[in-house]
Amino acid sequence: MARRTEFKGIVRNFTHMLNGRNNDHLGYWAIGQLCLLAKRRNTSSITINLLAVENSCNEESLKPFSVSMRKLLNKMLNSHKIPAAWLTSANITFSFNEQYQKQYHYWRSAMGSPYLITLELTSDLGKVYKQTFGGNVMPHNPRSEQRRLGF
């Protein structure tokens, strides 16, 4: 039987998955692409509402990425047999040009500037489940990156 406390594990696992190097969009690392978009838009963060499939910068090119993230979240909820009605909001924020924080950014682990990913899920009972992960990122550059096969 599903319980709302399972949101705690779901929010952690989903954020960890989005933070990983295997989080691809169109064959390239998704966070690098979001970093480039934020740089072009002259903003420091991009928020995506996973339930409404909307983003803070009204960028149409983010729609396929948002839809795929929503599908992954629904897959996780279904695997735990959690009804969709138990989730009232799901927002993920990608923040770039952050200050170095030891618990999120490993010194010299990768080139680029520090970023943070924060996922907030709110249950129908009003409880907020939140997780933050981070790392270092450089803006997407197809000339210096290898594209994943299959795209």
C-alpha atoms as a PDB file:
ATOM      1  CA  MET A   1       0.000   0.000   0.000  1.00  0.00           C
ATOM      2  CA  ALA A   2       1.372   3.387  -0.996  1.00  0.00           C
ATOM      3  CA  ARG A   3       2.148   6.040   1.623  1.00  0.00           C
ATOM      4  CA  ARG A   4       2.868   9.710   1.268  1.00  0.00           C
ATOM      5  CA  THR A   5       6.149   9.276   3.126  1.00  0.00           C
ATOM      6  CA  GLU A   6       7.460   7.634  -0.048  1.00  0.00           C
ATOM      7  CA  PHE A   7       7.634  11.133  -1.553  1.00  0.00           C
ATOM      8  CA  LYS A   8      10.811  11.600   0.510  1.00  0.00           C
ATOM      9  CA  GLY A   9      12.615   8.859  -1.417  1.00  0.00           C
ATOM     10  CA  ILE A  10      11.072   9.828  -4.731  1.00  0.00           C
ATOM     11  CA  VAL A  11      12.196  13.457  -4.452  1.00  0.00           C
ATOM     12  CA  ARG A  12      15.738  12.361  -3.548  1.00  0.00           C
ATOM     13  CA  ASN A  13      16.034   9.760  -6.310  1.00  0.00           C
ATOM     14  CA  PHE A  14      14.461  11.943  -8.982  1.00  0.00           C
ATOM     15  CA  THR A  15      16.703  14.926  -8.171  1.00  0.00           C
ATOM     16  CA  HIS A  16      19.757  12.678  -8.067  1.00  0.00           C
ATOM     17  CA  MET A  17      18.826  11.265 -11.480  1.00  0.00           C
ATOM     18  CA  LEU A  18      18.366  14.756 -12.968  1.00  0.00           C
ATOM     19  CA  ASN A  19      21.747  15.806 -11.561  1.00  0.00           C
ATOM     20  CA  GLY A  20      23.537  12.876 -13.188  1.00  0.00           C
ATOM     21  CA  ARG A  21      25.695  13.007 -16.300  1.00  0.00           C
ATOM     22  CA  ASN A  22      23.279  10.567 -17.972  1.00  0.00           C
ATOM     23  CA  ASN A  23      20.493  13.165 -17.920  1.00  0.00           C
ATOM     24  CA  ASP A  24      20.462  13.792 -21.666  1.00  0.00           C
ATOM     25  CA  HIS A  25      18.256  15.866 -23.915  1.00  0.00           C
ATOM     26  CA  LEU A  26      18.703  15.449 -27.676  1.00  0.00           C
ATOM     27  CA  GLY A  27      21.894  13.482 -27.020  1.00  0.00           C
ATOM     28  CA  TYR A  28      23.674  16.151 -24.955  1.00  0.00           C
ATOM     29  CA  TRP A  29      23.853  16.779 -21.210  1.00  0.00           C
ATOM     30  CA  ALA A  30      20.620  18.559 -20.285  1.00  0.00           C
ATOM     31  CA  ILE A  31      22.096  20.760 -17.541  1.00  0.00           C
ATOM     32  CA  GLY A  32      24.681  22.167 -19.957  1.00  0.00           C
ATOM     33  CA  GLN A  33      21.871  23.035 -22.372  1.00  0.00           C
ATOM     34  CA  LEU A  34      19.864  24.696 -19.581  1.00  0.00           C
ATOM     35  CA  CYS A  35      22.965  26.640 -18.533  1.00  0.00           C
ATOM     36  CA  LEU A  36      23.379  27.933 -22.098  1.00  0.00           C
ATOM     37  CA  LEU A  37      19.699  28.915 -22.226  1.00  0.00           C
ATOM     38  CA  ALA A  38      19.970  30.763 -18.900  1.00  0.00           C
ATOM     39  CA  LYS A  39      23.084  32.565 -20.139  1.00  0.00           C
ATOM     40  CA  ARG A  40      21.335  33.610 -23.372  1.00  0.00           C
ATOM     41  CA  ARG A  41      18.283  34.770 -21.423  1.00  0.00           C
ATOM     42  CA  ASN A  42      20.510  36.625 -18.929  1.00  0.00           C
ATOM     43  CA  THR A  43      18.916  34.847 -15.977  1.00  0.00           C
ATOM     44  CA  SER A  44      20.434  32.880 -13.129  1.00  0.00           C
ATOM     45  CA  SER A  45      17.710  30.237 -12.768  1.00  0.00           C
ATOM     46  CA  ILE A  46      15.123  28.270 -14.712  1.00  0.00           C
ATOM     47  CA  THR A  47      12.097  26.778 -12.958  1.00  0.00           C
ATOM     48  CA  ILE A  48      10.004  24.051 -14.545  1.00  0.00           C
ATOM     49  CA  ASN A  49       6.528  23.173 -13.290  1.00  0.00           C
ATOM     50  CA  LEU A  50       6.346  19.442 -13.951  1.00  0.00           C
ATOM     51  CA  LEU A  51       2.575  19.172 -13.510  1.00  0.00           C
ATOM     52  CA  ALA A  52       1.605  22.001 -15.869  1.00  0.00           C
ATOM     53  CA  VAL A  53       4.664  21.458 -18.112  1.00  0.00           C
ATOM     54  CA  GLU A  54       5.533  25.174 -17.990  1.00  0.00           C
ATOM     55  CA  ASN A  55       8.845  26.942 -17.461  1.00  0.00           C
ATOM     56  CA  SER A  56       9.804  30.281 -15.971  1.00  0.00           C
ATOM     57  CA  CYS A  57      11.355  31.693 -19.148  1.00  0.00           C
ATOM     58  CA  ASN A  58       8.450  30.775 -21.469  1.00  0.00           C
ATOM     59  CA  GLU A  59      10.866  28.966 -23.767  1.00  0.00           C
ATOM     60  CA  GLU A  60       9.093  26.655 -26.216  1.00  0.00           C
ATOM     61  CA  SER A  61      12.283  24.646 -26.798  1.00  0.00           C
ATOM     62  CA  LEU A  62      12.076  23.405 -23.180  1.00  0.00           C
ATOM     63  CA  LYS A  63       8.684  21.766 -23.740  1.00  0.00           C
ATOM     64  CA  PRO A  64      10.040  18.351 -24.918  1.00  0.00           C
ATOM     65  CA  PHE A  65      12.499  18.284 -21.999  1.00  0.00           C
ATOM     66  CA  SER A  66       9.725  19.210 -19.539  1.00  0.00           C
ATOM     67  CA  VAL A  67       7.419  16.549 -20.961  1.00  0.00           C
ATOM     68  CA  SER A  68      10.109  13.866 -20.665  1.00  0.00           C
ATOM     69  CA  MET A  69      10.812  14.872 -17.030  1.00  0.00           C
ATOM     70  CA  ARG A  70       7.090  14.697 -16.263  1.00  0.00           C
ATOM     71  CA  LYS A  71       6.919  11.201 -17.793  1.00  0.00           C
ATOM     72  CA  LEU A  72       9.849  10.097 -15.621  1.00  0.00           C
ATOM     73  CA  LEU A  73       8.180  11.507 -12.507  1.00  0.00           C
ATOM     74  CA  ASN A  74       4.903   9.755 -13.385  1.00  0.00           C
ATOM     75  CA  LYS A  75       6.821   6.515 -13.931  1.00  0.00           C
ATOM     76  CA  MET A  76       8.348   6.829 -10.449  1.00  0.00           C
ATOM     77  CA  LEU A  77       4.955   7.569  -8.880  1.00  0.00           C
ATOM     78  CA  ASN A  78       3.390   4.607 -10.684  1.00  0.00           C
ATOM     79  CA  SER A  79       6.154   2.275  -9.557  1.00  0.00           C
ATOM     80  CA  HIS A  80       5.303   3.206  -5.953  1.00  0.00           C
ATOM     81  CA  LYS A  81       1.555   2.949  -6.705  1.00  0.00           C
ATOM     82  CA  ILE A  82       1.056   6.585  -5.655  1.00  0.00           C
ATOM     83  CA  PRO A  83      -2.076   8.209  -7.111  1.00  0.00           C
ATOM     84  CA  ALA A  84      -1.461  11.379  -9.125  1.00  0.00           C
ATOM     85  CA  ALA A  85      -4.051  13.170  -6.945  1.00  0.00           C
ATOM     86  CA  TRP A  86      -1.658  12.957  -3.970  1.00  0.00           C
ATOM     87  CA  LEU A  87       0.698  15.415  -5.703  1.00  0.00           C
ATOM     88  CA  THR A  88      -0.465  19.052  -5.890  1.00  0.00           C
ATOM     89  CA  SER A  89       2.748  20.661  -7.159  1.00  0.00           C
ATOM     90  CA  ALA A  90       6.091  19.600  -8.563  1.00  0.00           C
ATOM     91  CA  ASN A  91       8.645  22.303  -9.362  1.00  0.00           C
ATOM     92  CA  ILE A  92      12.277  21.902 -10.264  1.00  0.00           C
ATOM     93  CA  THR A  93      14.675  24.847 -10.244  1.00  0.00           C
ATOM     94  CA  PHE A  94      18.045  24.882 -11.988  1.00  0.00           C
ATOM     95  CA  SER A  95      20.173  27.712 -10.516  1.00  0.00           C
ATOM     96  CA  PHE A  96      23.412  28.734 -12.202  1.00  0.00           C
ATOM     97  CA  ASN A  97      26.422  30.857 -11.158  1.00  0.00           C
ATOM     98  CA  GLU A  98      25.928  29.850  -7.535  1.00  0.00           C
ATOM     99  CA  GLN A  99      28.445  30.416  -4.768  1.00  0.00           C
ATOM    100  CA  TYR A 100      30.697  27.447  -4.011  1.00  0.00           C
ATOM    101  CA  GLN A 101      29.159  25.223  -1.317  1.00  0.00           C
ATOM    102  CA  LYS A 102      31.189  22.285  -0.092  1.00  0.00           C
ATOM    103  CA  GLN A 103      28.224  19.914   0.305  1.00  0.00           C
ATOM    104  CA  TYR A 104      27.086  20.429  -3.325  1.00  0.00           C
ATOM    105  CA  HIS A 105      30.177  21.402  -5.314  1.00  0.00           C
ATOM    106  CA  TYR A 106      33.232  19.214  -5.121  1.00  0.00           C
ATOM    107  CA  TRP A 107      36.309  21.371  -5.556  1.00  0.00           C
ATOM    108  CA  ARG A 108      37.943  20.674  -8.919  1.00  0.00           C
ATOM    109  CA  SER A 109      35.488  17.818  -9.656  1.00  0.00           C
ATOM    110  CA  ALA A 110      34.631  19.353 -13.022  1.00  0.00           C
ATOM    111  CA  MET A 111      35.254  22.484 -14.999  1.00  0.00           C
ATOM    112  CA  GLY A 112      32.690  25.228 -15.074  1.00  0.00           C
ATOM    113  CA  SER A 113      30.719  27.240 -12.583  1.00  0.00           C
ATOM    114  CA  PRO A 114      28.651  25.846  -9.694  1.00  0.00           C
ATOM    115  CA  TYR A 115      24.971  25.087 -10.175  1.00  0.00           C
ATOM    116  CA  LEU A 116      22.160  23.754  -7.976  1.00  0.00           C
ATOM    117  CA  ILE A 117      19.090  21.651  -8.726  1.00  0.00           C
ATOM    118  CA  THR A 118      16.203  21.900  -6.255  1.00  0.00           C
ATOM    119  CA  LEU A 119      13.081  19.779  -6.553  1.00  0.00           C
ATOM    120  CA  GLU A 120      10.003  20.534  -4.446  1.00  0.00           C
ATOM    121  CA  LEU A 121       7.038  18.183  -4.335  1.00  0.00           C
ATOM    122  CA  THR A 122       3.923  19.175  -2.389  1.00  0.00           C
ATOM    123  CA  SER A 123       1.457  16.522  -1.285  1.00  0.00           C
ATOM    124  CA  ASP A 124      -2.296  16.971  -1.150  1.00  0.00           C
ATOM    125  CA  LEU A 125      -1.929  17.287   2.635  1.00  0.00           C
ATOM    126  CA  GLY A 126       0.309  20.340   2.214  1.00  0.00           C
ATOM    127  CA  LYS A 127       3.613  18.715   3.191  1.00  0.00           C
ATOM    128  CA  VAL A 128       6.581  19.876   1.104  1.00  0.00           C
ATOM    129  CA  TYR A 129       9.315  17.392   0.186  1.00  0.00           C
ATOM    130  CA  LYS A 130      12.469  19.136  -0.994  1.00  0.00           C
ATOM    131  CA  GLN A 131      15.890  17.990  -2.194  1.00  0.00           C
ATOM    132  CA  THR A 132      18.905  19.912  -3.514  1.00  0.00           C
ATOM    133  CA  PHE A 133      21.918  18.590  -5.402  1.00  0.00           C
ATOM    134  CA  GLY A 134      24.613  20.433  -7.305  1.00  0.00           C
ATOM    135  CA  GLY A 135      27.781  20.320  -9.293  1.00  0.00           C
ATOM    136  CA  ASN A 136      29.755  22.280 -11.853  1.00  0.00           C
ATOM    137  CA  VAL A 137      28.644  23.034 -15.390  1.00  0.00           C
ATOM    138  CA  MET A 138      29.843  24.747 -18.517  1.00  0.00           C
ATOM    139  CA  PRO A 139      27.348  26.049 -21.078  1.00  0.00           C
ATOM    140  CA  HIS A 140      26.510  23.562 -23.836  1.00  0.00           C
ATOM    141  CA  ASN A 141      28.941  23.631 -26.757  1.00  0.00           C
ATOM    142  CA  PRO A 142      28.405  20.925 -29.398  1.00  0.00           C
ATOM    143  CA  ARG A 143      31.916  21.488 -30.806  1.00  0.00           C
ATOM    144  CA  SER A 144      33.552  20.363 -27.553  1.00  0.00           C
ATOM    145  CA  GLU A 145      31.008  17.716 -26.464  1.00  0.00           C
ATOM    146  CA  GLN A 146      30.289  14.247 -27.745  1.00  0.00           C
ATOM    147  CA  ARG A 147      26.695  13.491 -28.577  1.00  0.00           C
ATOM    148  CA  ARG A 148      25.204  10.330 -27.170  1.00  0.00           C
ATOM    149  CA  LEU A 149      24.602   7.702 -29.826  1.00  0.00           C
ATOM    150  CA  GLY A 150      21.031   7.041 -30.850  1.00  0.00           C
ATOM    151  CA  PHE A 151      20.027  10.643 -31.560  1.00  0.00           C
END
